[in-house]
Amino acid sequence: MAKGCRPGKRWRGLAYELAYESGVDSTVKHLLIGNGPAGVIAAETLRRADPQAAIVMVGDEASPPYSRMAIPYLLMGRIDEQGTYLRKDAGHFERLGIRLVTGRAERVDTETRTVTLADGGQHSYDRLLISTGSYPLRPPILGMDLPQVHTCWTLADARRIIESARPGSRVLQIGAGFIGCIIMEALAERGVHLFIVEMGDRMVPRMMTATAGRMIRRWVENKGITVHLQAGVASLRQQGSSVLAKLSNGVEVEADLVICAAGVRPNIGFLAGSGIVTADGVRVDAAMQSNVPGVYAAGDVTEAAGFHSGVPSLNAIQPNAADQARIAALNMAGGSALSQGSLAINVLDTLGLISISFGAWAGEPGATGGEGVELVDEQGFRYLSLQFRDDVLIGATAIGLTDHVGALRGLIQGRVRLGAWKERLLNDPSQFMAAYLASAQKRA
């Protein structure tokens, strides 16, 4: 080691560049496909855990690694494009010796340990991380290819929407899930006239109970947004410079811009024929390793065991992506980190109304010892739902309650046995903070 040099300094990055370009294979090569939050956290964790390793991170967009969750703030005008970047310092990855490559993975050969990109380039690996995230769905609707129809998933999408979503313009949004509601808030702040169409019986159906979802709808409509539930878009057709949408409930909506926020699916198509087991996503064990030794996955693309159920499932939220990325990276570097399972951790700000859902917020149908309780204040837009398995809190939903909600997450993640506190909470769920303090003191 050069005198005065320490792990992580620039000399290591330059040394790696020389080794990589000259074909020297004296160090372990970690190849990461995907440069979103999971990829970036994994790369940085690898560098700390494995200072001498070669690290290559592949992303399919020309932009520096950025956060899709920051795009709504870009639409609102609160940040510029650089504000979406995951690391603001242009030399960050170079100093860490993390090589950035632009390209789209097309094929993985686990026999030869190589990944082929769409441009024909190939990259070998000793350890592989799949963190390719998701892609936005476009339902098979007549007219979805019209120029006024966009998804809101990439910086390129955001640029097109900013150009079209001017104050007073009419915008039809397809989908009112978690991502859809974030986009909705950004569009509302731009001063457009909004029409929302959602196939479910409530807003945010995969995050909120029926009572909570209906409460969010009332709040949104009070803000001047039109919401159509249990309805889809039957067709879209050009009408002058605008689009005429015919809904499945017979209503027609004329819009200057259509945003499709109808959900996402994991990017796993390039894994066909690789031998890596996939269902809805890449199946992994508690170490975030797939069925193929040396191949790991993290983030939206990952189908991991649920925290409470143990059943493999998708849980595409950033806190899980970050945890999975750290665990995968530590194990890629030779560690032995294990996940406790993926846990729903959702926090949503819908035009000023804060809602949260943690864990098995809908309860576990048919589960032994399953019970739940609701506290509803319709006029005050306040709501609380707690779900139990025996005397353990396994899920919670809340609206309009921002004080101490971290205690709910603590009880759920800690698998805290509440004992007599369970009955007290069934009688008065608002006492969850007292239950948390009592349980924490007991455990201490």
Protein backbone atom coordinates (compact mmCIF):
# COMPACT_ATOMS: atom_id res chain seq x y z
CA MET A 1 0.00 0.00 0.00
CA ALA A 2 1.33 3.45 -0.89
CA LYS A 3 2.50 5.44 2.11
CA GLY A 4 -0.17 7.74 3.47
CA CYS A 5 -2.97 6.15 1.43
CA ARG A 6 -6.04 4.75 3.13
CA PRO A 7 -8.87 2.48 1.84
CA GLY A 8 -11.52 4.37 -0.07
CA LYS A 9 -9.26 7.18 -1.36
CA ARG A 10 -8.87 8.10 -5.01
CA TRP A 11 -5.75 6.00 -5.57
CA ARG A 12 -7.82 2.85 -5.25
CA GLY A 13 -10.30 4.00 -7.89
CA LEU A 14 -7.49 4.73 -10.35
CA ALA A 15 -5.79 1.43 -9.59
CA TYR A 16 -9.04 -0.37 -10.29
CA GLU A 17 -9.55 1.49 -13.57
CA LEU A 18 -6.12 0.37 -14.75
CA ALA A 19 -6.75 -3.22 -13.73
CA TYR A 20 -10.18 -3.28 -15.34
CA GLU A 21 -9.06 -1.78 -18.63
CA SER A 22 -5.97 -3.97 -18.90
CA GLY A 23 -7.93 -7.16 -18.24
CA VAL A 24 -6.13 -7.98 -15.00
CA ASP A 25 -8.38 -10.21 -12.88
CA SER A 26 -6.57 -10.21 -9.55
CA THR A 27 -9.51 -8.93 -7.48
CA VAL A 28 -13.09 -9.98 -6.91
CA LYS A 29 -15.48 -8.35 -9.38
CA HIS A 30 -18.84 -7.23 -8.12
CA LEU A 31 -21.24 -6.43 -10.93
CA LEU A 32 -24.41 -4.51 -10.08
CA ILE A 33 -27.19 -4.26 -12.68
CA GLY A 34 -29.30 -1.25 -11.81
CA ASN A 35 -28.19 2.12 -10.42
CA GLY A 36 -31.22 3.25 -8.45
CA PRO A 37 -31.22 3.54 -4.64
CA ALA A 38 -30.67 -0.20 -4.13
CA GLY A 39 -27.74 -0.32 -6.55
CA VAL A 40 -26.08 2.79 -5.12
CA ILE A 41 -26.45 1.69 -1.49
CA ALA A 42 -25.13 -1.77 -2.37
CA ALA A 43 -22.13 -0.33 -4.23
CA GLU A 44 -21.20 1.94 -1.32
CA THR A 45 -21.69 -0.87 1.20
CA LEU A 46 -19.49 -3.15 -0.90
CA ARG A 47 -16.74 -0.56 -1.02
CA ARG A 48 -16.72 -0.27 2.77
CA ALA A 49 -16.89 -4.05 3.26
CA ASP A 50 -14.50 -5.01 0.44
CA PRO A 51 -11.98 -2.17 -0.09
CA GLN A 52 -9.92 -4.00 -2.72
CA ALA A 53 -12.79 -5.29 -4.90
CA ALA A 54 -13.61 -4.19 -8.42
CA ILE A 55 -17.14 -2.74 -8.49
CA VAL A 56 -19.09 -2.05 -11.68
CA MET A 57 -22.58 -0.56 -11.63
CA VAL A 58 -24.70 -0.62 -14.80
CA GLY A 59 -27.61 1.75 -15.42
CA ASP A 60 -29.75 2.04 -18.55
CA GLU A 61 -30.15 5.84 -18.53
CA ALA A 62 -27.52 8.41 -19.46
CA SER A 63 -28.28 10.49 -16.35
CA PRO A 64 -26.29 10.01 -13.14
CA PRO A 65 -27.96 7.67 -10.63
CA TYR A 66 -31.15 9.36 -9.46
CA SER A 67 -34.23 8.75 -7.33
CA ARG A 68 -37.57 8.21 -9.06
CA MET A 69 -39.25 9.26 -5.82
CA ALA A 70 -37.77 12.74 -6.31
CA ILE A 71 -39.45 13.23 -9.69
CA PRO A 72 -42.69 14.66 -8.17
CA TYR A 73 -40.60 17.39 -6.51
CA LEU A 74 -39.10 18.13 -9.91
CA LEU A 75 -42.62 18.43 -11.34
CA MET A 76 -43.54 20.81 -8.51
CA GLY A 77 -40.53 22.97 -9.31
CA ARG A 78 -39.05 22.55 -5.85
CA ILE A 79 -35.84 21.01 -7.24
CA ASP A 80 -34.04 20.89 -10.58
CA GLU A 81 -32.86 17.69 -12.25
CA GLN A 82 -29.64 17.69 -10.26
CA GLY A 83 -31.77 17.64 -7.13
CA THR A 84 -32.99 14.15 -8.11
CA TYR A 85 -29.44 12.76 -8.18
CA LEU A 86 -28.76 10.25 -5.42
CA ARG A 87 -25.28 11.67 -4.87
CA LYS A 88 -24.80 15.36 -5.63
CA ASP A 89 -21.01 15.29 -5.90
CA ALA A 90 -20.03 14.52 -9.51
CA GLY A 91 -16.84 12.74 -8.43
CA HIS A 92 -18.44 10.61 -5.72
CA PHE A 93 -18.37 7.24 -7.47
CA GLU A 94 -14.97 7.79 -9.05
CA ARG A 95 -13.41 8.49 -5.66
CA LEU A 96 -14.90 5.24 -4.34
CA GLY A 97 -13.55 3.29 -7.30
CA ILE A 98 -17.06 2.41 -8.48
CA ARG A 99 -17.15 2.21 -12.26
CA LEU A 100 -20.39 3.48 -13.84
CA VAL A 101 -21.49 1.93 -17.13
CA THR A 102 -24.46 3.00 -19.25
CA GLY A 103 -26.33 0.11 -20.85
CA ARG A 104 -29.34 -2.16 -20.63
CA ALA A 105 -28.85 -5.77 -19.52
CA GLU A 106 -30.12 -8.17 -22.17
CA ARG A 107 -28.92 -11.57 -20.98
CA VAL A 108 -27.31 -13.21 -17.96
CA ASP A 109 -25.21 -16.36 -18.40
CA THR A 110 -24.68 -17.88 -14.98
CA GLU A 111 -22.47 -20.65 -16.39
CA THR A 112 -19.84 -18.25 -17.75
CA ARG A 113 -20.70 -15.55 -15.19
CA THR A 114 -21.22 -12.87 -17.79
CA VAL A 115 -23.87 -10.24 -18.49
CA THR A 116 -24.52 -9.12 -22.05
CA LEU A 117 -25.82 -5.61 -22.69
CA ALA A 118 -28.15 -4.50 -25.47
CA ASP A 119 -25.23 -2.86 -27.32
CA GLY A 120 -23.35 -6.18 -27.35
CA GLY A 121 -20.96 -5.31 -24.55
CA GLN A 122 -20.16 -8.01 -22.00
CA HIS A 123 -19.19 -7.81 -18.35
CA SER A 124 -17.88 -10.69 -16.28
CA TYR A 125 -18.50 -11.04 -12.56
CA ASP A 126 -17.63 -13.04 -9.48
CA ARG A 127 -20.67 -11.74 -7.59
CA LEU A 128 -23.76 -10.32 -9.27
CA LEU A 129 -26.47 -8.06 -7.84
CA ILE A 130 -29.76 -7.66 -9.71
CA SER A 131 -31.28 -4.33 -8.70
CA THR A 132 -33.05 -3.45 -11.92
CA GLY A 133 -36.21 -2.09 -10.27
CA SER A 134 -39.54 -1.91 -12.06
CA TYR A 135 -41.06 -0.60 -15.23
CA PRO A 136 -44.42 1.23 -15.57
CA LEU A 137 -47.38 -0.65 -16.96
CA ARG A 138 -49.35 0.57 -19.96
CA PRO A 139 -52.74 -1.15 -20.05
CA PRO A 140 -53.89 -2.47 -23.47
CA ILE A 141 -56.20 0.48 -24.12
CA LEU A 142 -56.96 1.79 -27.60
CA GLY A 143 -55.17 5.12 -27.94
CA MET A 144 -52.45 4.55 -25.33
CA ASP A 145 -49.90 5.38 -28.03
CA LEU A 146 -51.21 8.91 -28.55
CA PRO A 147 -48.53 11.63 -28.10
CA GLN A 148 -50.41 13.20 -25.17
CA VAL A 149 -50.19 9.96 -23.12
CA HIS A 150 -47.20 9.58 -20.79
CA THR A 151 -45.99 7.53 -17.88
CA CYS A 152 -44.19 9.33 -15.03
CA TRP A 153 -41.23 7.12 -14.27
CA THR A 154 -38.06 8.63 -15.75
CA LEU A 155 -36.45 12.05 -16.03
CA ALA A 156 -37.36 11.99 -19.73
CA ASP A 157 -41.02 11.45 -18.75
CA ALA A 158 -40.79 14.36 -16.30
CA ARG A 159 -39.44 16.70 -18.97
CA ARG A 160 -42.36 15.92 -21.27
CA ILE A 161 -44.92 16.36 -18.48
CA ILE A 162 -43.42 19.70 -17.38
CA GLU A 163 -43.76 20.91 -20.96
CA SER A 164 -47.45 19.92 -21.15
CA ALA A 165 -48.87 20.31 -17.62
CA ARG A 166 -49.31 24.06 -17.54
CA PRO A 167 -51.67 25.90 -15.17
CA GLY A 168 -55.26 25.43 -16.28
CA SER A 169 -54.57 22.43 -18.52
CA ARG A 170 -56.82 19.38 -18.18
CA VAL A 171 -55.07 16.24 -16.99
CA LEU A 172 -56.51 12.74 -16.78
CA GLN A 173 -54.57 10.38 -14.51
CA ILE A 174 -55.06 6.62 -14.72
CA GLY A 175 -54.41 5.06 -11.32
CA ALA A 176 -54.60 6.26 -7.71
CA GLY A 177 -52.18 3.91 -6.00
CA PHE A 178 -49.23 5.03 -3.87
CA ILE A 179 -47.18 6.32 -6.80
CA GLY A 180 -50.29 7.72 -8.48
CA CYS A 181 -51.15 9.79 -5.40
CA ILE A 182 -47.64 11.24 -5.26
CA ILE A 183 -47.89 12.20 -8.94
CA MET A 184 -51.38 13.59 -8.34
CA GLU A 185 -50.08 15.96 -5.67
CA ALA A 186 -47.31 17.19 -7.97
CA LEU A 187 -49.78 17.83 -10.79
CA ALA A 188 -52.20 19.61 -8.45
CA GLU A 189 -49.41 21.93 -7.36
CA ARG A 190 -48.83 22.82 -11.01
CA GLY A 191 -52.36 24.24 -11.10
CA VAL A 192 -53.94 21.79 -13.55
CA HIS A 193 -57.54 20.52 -13.56
CA LEU A 194 -57.29 16.89 -12.46
CA PHE A 195 -59.48 13.87 -13.22
CA ILE A 196 -58.48 10.60 -11.50
CA VAL A 197 -59.62 7.15 -12.63
CA GLU A 198 -58.99 4.16 -10.35
CA MET A 199 -60.07 0.55 -10.92
CA GLY A 200 -60.22 -0.19 -7.19
CA ASP A 201 -63.04 0.57 -4.79
CA ARG A 202 -60.94 3.20 -2.96
CA MET A 203 -57.86 5.32 -3.34
CA VAL A 204 -54.52 3.70 -2.54
CA PRO A 205 -56.14 0.24 -2.38
CA ARG A 206 -52.85 -1.61 -1.76
CA MET A 207 -51.94 0.61 1.16
CA MET A 208 -55.17 1.67 2.86
CA THR A 209 -58.19 -0.05 4.39
CA ALA A 210 -61.56 0.62 2.76
CA THR A 211 -62.50 3.23 5.39
CA ALA A 212 -59.15 5.01 5.07
CA GLY A 213 -59.18 4.93 1.27
CA ARG A 214 -62.65 6.48 1.15
CA MET A 215 -61.53 9.17 3.60
CA ILE A 216 -58.61 10.10 1.33
CA ARG A 217 -61.04 10.32 -1.60
CA ARG A 218 -63.25 12.80 0.28
CA TRP A 219 -60.20 14.88 1.15
CA VAL A 220 -59.01 14.93 -2.47
CA GLU A 221 -62.44 15.83 -3.84
CA ASN A 222 -62.68 18.67 -1.31
CA LYS A 223 -59.54 20.02 -2.96
CA GLY A 224 -61.31 20.19 -6.34
CA ILE A 225 -60.08 16.94 -7.91
CA THR A 226 -62.60 14.69 -9.66
CA VAL A 227 -62.25 11.00 -8.75
CA HIS A 228 -63.87 8.04 -10.52
CA LEU A 229 -63.57 4.77 -8.57
CA GLN A 230 -64.25 1.25 -9.82
CA ALA A 231 -63.78 2.56 -13.33
CA GLY A 232 -61.21 2.18 -16.06
CA VAL A 233 -60.43 3.87 -19.34
CA ALA A 234 -62.15 2.01 -22.17
CA SER A 235 -60.57 4.02 -24.98
CA LEU A 236 -58.63 7.14 -25.85
CA ARG A 237 -58.97 9.00 -29.14
CA GLN A 238 -57.61 12.16 -30.64
CA GLN A 239 -59.99 15.11 -30.64
CA GLY A 240 -58.29 18.13 -32.16
CA SER A 241 -55.26 18.91 -30.00
CA SER A 242 -56.72 17.07 -26.99
CA VAL A 243 -57.67 13.50 -26.07
CA LEU A 244 -61.19 12.22 -25.47
CA ALA A 245 -61.25 9.43 -22.92
CA LYS A 246 -64.26 7.14 -22.61
CA LEU A 247 -64.47 5.54 -19.18
CA SER A 248 -65.93 2.13 -18.41
CA ASN A 249 -68.73 3.82 -16.44
CA GLY A 250 -69.83 5.70 -19.56
CA VAL A 251 -68.36 9.07 -18.56
CA GLU A 252 -66.31 10.95 -21.15
CA VAL A 253 -63.37 13.15 -20.14
CA GLU A 254 -61.54 15.53 -22.45
CA ALA A 255 -57.91 16.08 -21.49
CA ASP A 256 -54.85 17.91 -22.77
CA LEU A 257 -52.58 15.37 -21.09
CA VAL A 258 -53.01 11.76 -19.91
CA ILE A 259 -50.75 10.32 -17.22
CA CYS A 260 -50.67 6.54 -16.87
CA ALA A 261 -49.90 5.54 -13.28
CA ALA A 262 -51.48 2.09 -13.50
CA GLY A 263 -48.79 0.24 -11.58
CA VAL A 264 -45.35 -1.26 -12.16
CA ARG A 265 -43.78 -4.67 -12.67
CA PRO A 266 -40.25 -5.91 -11.86
CA ASN A 267 -37.65 -5.75 -14.63
CA ILE A 268 -36.87 -9.47 -14.91
CA GLY A 269 -37.39 -10.17 -18.63
CA PHE A 270 -33.63 -10.28 -19.32
CA LEU A 271 -33.25 -13.19 -16.87
CA ALA A 272 -35.07 -15.66 -19.14
CA GLY A 273 -32.91 -18.72 -19.68
CA SER A 274 -30.43 -17.75 -16.97
CA GLY A 275 -31.50 -20.43 -14.51
CA ILE A 276 -32.27 -17.77 -11.92
CA VAL A 277 -35.65 -18.59 -10.39
CA THR A 278 -38.27 -15.87 -10.80
CA ALA A 279 -42.00 -15.72 -10.12
CA ASP A 280 -43.33 -12.18 -9.77
CA GLY A 281 -39.74 -11.13 -9.10
CA VAL A 282 -36.35 -12.68 -8.33
CA ARG A 283 -36.80 -15.25 -5.56
CA VAL A 284 -34.22 -14.77 -2.80
CA ASP A 285 -33.41 -16.26 0.59
CA ALA A 286 -32.77 -14.37 3.82
CA ALA A 287 -29.26 -13.51 2.58
CA MET A 288 -30.78 -11.89 -0.54
CA GLN A 289 -29.20 -14.65 -2.63
CA SER A 290 -31.06 -16.27 -5.50
CA ASN A 291 -31.06 -20.00 -6.21
CA VAL A 292 -27.80 -19.47 -8.13
CA PRO A 293 -24.78 -19.09 -5.80
CA GLY A 294 -23.16 -15.68 -6.14
CA VAL A 295 -26.24 -14.04 -7.66
CA TYR A 296 -28.16 -11.67 -5.38
CA ALA A 297 -31.11 -9.29 -5.73
CA ALA A 298 -32.37 -6.18 -3.94
CA GLY A 299 -35.13 -3.61 -4.33
CA ASP A 300 -38.31 -3.58 -6.40
CA VAL A 301 -37.18 -6.56 -8.46
CA THR A 302 -36.96 -8.80 -5.40
CA GLU A 303 -39.49 -11.37 -4.23
CA ALA A 304 -38.53 -11.95 -0.62
CA ALA A 305 -40.16 -13.58 2.39
CA GLY A 306 -42.68 -11.37 4.16
CA PHE A 307 -41.81 -10.17 7.66
CA HIS A 308 -44.91 -11.74 9.23
CA SER A 309 -46.13 -14.30 6.69
CA GLY A 310 -42.82 -15.74 5.52
CA VAL A 311 -44.43 -16.02 2.07
CA PRO A 312 -42.36 -14.70 -0.87
CA SER A 313 -43.87 -11.44 -2.12
CA LEU A 314 -43.03 -8.16 -3.82
CA ASN A 315 -42.74 -5.16 -1.53
CA ALA A 316 -41.57 -2.29 -3.72
CA ILE A 317 -40.79 0.42 -1.19
CA GLN A 318 -37.53 2.29 -0.65
CA PRO A 319 -36.87 1.31 3.00
CA ASN A 320 -36.95 -2.37 2.02
CA ALA A 321 -34.76 -1.68 -1.01
CA ALA A 322 -32.16 -0.02 1.22
CA ASP A 323 -32.16 -2.86 3.78
CA GLN A 324 -31.99 -5.54 1.08
CA ALA A 325 -29.15 -3.73 -0.68
CA ARG A 326 -27.04 -3.57 2.48
CA ILE A 327 -27.69 -7.22 3.31
CA ALA A 328 -26.92 -8.39 -0.22
CA ALA A 329 -23.72 -6.32 -0.38
CA LEU A 330 -22.42 -7.57 2.97
CA ASN A 331 -22.96 -11.16 1.86
CA MET A 332 -21.39 -10.53 -1.55
CA ALA A 333 -18.33 -9.33 0.36
CA GLY A 334 -18.20 -12.57 2.37
CA GLY A 335 -20.34 -11.58 5.35
CA SER A 336 -23.30 -13.37 6.88
CA ALA A 337 -26.09 -10.80 7.15
CA LEU A 338 -29.69 -12.01 7.16
CA SER A 339 -32.99 -10.25 6.52
CA GLN A 340 -35.91 -10.53 8.92
CA GLY A 341 -38.24 -10.33 5.92
CA SER A 342 -39.78 -7.52 3.89
CA LEU A 343 -42.10 -5.20 5.76
CA ALA A 344 -44.59 -2.67 4.38
CA ILE A 345 -43.56 0.82 5.51
CA ASN A 346 -45.67 3.40 3.68
CA VAL A 347 -45.95 7.12 4.42
CA LEU A 348 -47.99 9.29 2.05
CA ASP A 349 -48.74 13.01 1.95
CA THR A 350 -51.88 13.55 -0.14
CA LEU A 351 -52.42 17.28 -0.56
CA GLY A 352 -51.62 17.83 3.11
CA LEU A 353 -53.32 14.73 4.53
CA ILE A 354 -50.70 12.39 6.02
CA SER A 355 -51.42 8.67 5.97
CA ILE A 356 -49.31 5.68 6.98
CA SER A 357 -49.55 1.91 6.80
CA PHE A 358 -47.08 -0.48 8.41
CA GLY A 359 -46.74 -4.24 8.31
CA ALA A 360 -49.78 -6.46 7.70
CA TRP A 361 -52.08 -3.41 7.74
CA ALA A 362 -55.02 -5.43 6.34
CA GLY A 363 -54.58 -8.15 8.96
CA GLU A 364 -54.13 -11.80 8.14
CA PRO A 365 -57.42 -13.38 7.03
CA GLY A 366 -57.94 -16.72 8.69
CA ALA A 367 -54.87 -16.34 10.91
CA THR A 368 -55.16 -17.88 14.38
CA GLY A 369 -55.53 -15.19 17.01
CA GLY A 370 -56.18 -12.47 14.44
CA GLU A 371 -58.10 -9.43 15.69
CA GLY A 372 -58.39 -5.79 14.72
CA VAL A 373 -59.85 -2.47 15.84
CA GLU A 374 -60.68 0.83 14.10
CA LEU A 375 -61.00 4.36 15.44
CA VAL A 376 -62.75 6.68 12.96
CA ASP A 377 -63.27 10.45 13.00
CA GLU A 378 -64.82 11.16 9.60
CA GLN A 379 -65.27 14.91 10.11
CA GLY A 380 -61.79 15.43 11.50
CA PHE A 381 -60.13 13.21 8.85
CA ARG A 382 -58.52 11.11 11.58
CA TYR A 383 -58.33 7.35 11.47
CA LEU A 384 -56.49 4.53 13.20
CA SER A 385 -56.58 0.79 12.56
CA LEU A 386 -54.59 -1.80 14.51
CA GLN A 387 -54.24 -5.47 13.55
CA PHE A 388 -53.06 -8.20 15.89
CA ARG A 389 -51.93 -11.81 15.82
CA ASP A 390 -52.44 -13.08 19.34
CA ASP A 391 -50.94 -10.32 21.51
CA VAL A 392 -48.51 -9.01 18.87
CA LEU A 393 -49.28 -5.93 16.75
CA ILE A 394 -48.64 -6.96 13.14
CA GLY A 395 -50.12 -4.04 11.20
CA ALA A 396 -51.36 -0.47 11.49
CA THR A 397 -53.02 2.18 9.34
CA ALA A 398 -53.39 5.83 10.32
CA ILE A 399 -54.63 9.07 8.77
CA GLY A 400 -54.18 12.53 10.19
CA LEU A 401 -52.07 11.21 13.08
CA THR A 402 -48.45 12.28 12.86
CA ASP A 403 -47.41 12.25 16.53
CA HIS A 404 -45.58 9.15 17.71
CA VAL A 405 -46.51 6.95 14.71
CA GLY A 406 -42.95 5.65 14.85
CA ALA A 407 -44.05 3.76 17.95
CA LEU A 408 -46.42 1.72 15.78
CA ARG A 409 -43.55 0.73 13.54
CA GLY A 410 -41.44 -0.09 16.60
CA LEU A 411 -44.07 -2.40 18.05
CA ILE A 412 -44.53 -4.16 14.70
CA GLN A 413 -40.86 -4.55 13.82
CA GLY A 414 -39.96 -5.53 17.36
CA ARG A 415 -42.62 -8.28 17.38
CA VAL A 416 -43.39 -7.01 20.87
CA ARG A 417 -45.66 -9.18 23.01
CA LEU A 418 -48.19 -6.77 24.45
CA GLY A 419 -49.76 -9.00 27.07
CA ALA A 420 -52.56 -7.12 28.86
CA TRP A 421 -51.91 -4.06 26.65
CA LYS A 422 -53.57 -5.80 23.74
CA GLU A 423 -57.00 -5.65 25.40
CA ARG A 424 -56.43 -2.02 26.34
CA LEU A 425 -55.62 -1.19 22.72
CA LEU A 426 -58.68 -3.05 21.47
CA ASN A 427 -60.72 -0.79 23.76
CA ASP A 428 -58.76 2.38 22.95
CA PRO A 429 -56.26 2.09 20.07
CA SER A 430 -55.09 5.69 20.59
CA GLN A 431 -53.08 4.43 23.61
CA PHE A 432 -50.44 2.84 21.37
CA MET A 433 -47.68 5.19 22.56
CA ALA A 434 -48.31 4.25 26.19
CA ALA A 435 -48.24 0.58 25.16
CA TYR A 436 -44.93 1.15 23.38
CA LEU A 437 -43.33 2.88 26.36
CA ALA A 438 -44.54 0.21 28.77
CA SER A 439 -43.31 -2.58 26.50
CA ALA A 440 -39.96 -0.89 25.84
CA GLN A 441 -39.36 -0.42 29.57
CA LYS A 442 -40.31 -4.03 30.21
CA ARG A 443 -37.89 -5.30 27.56
CA ALA A 444 -35.12 -3.01 28.85
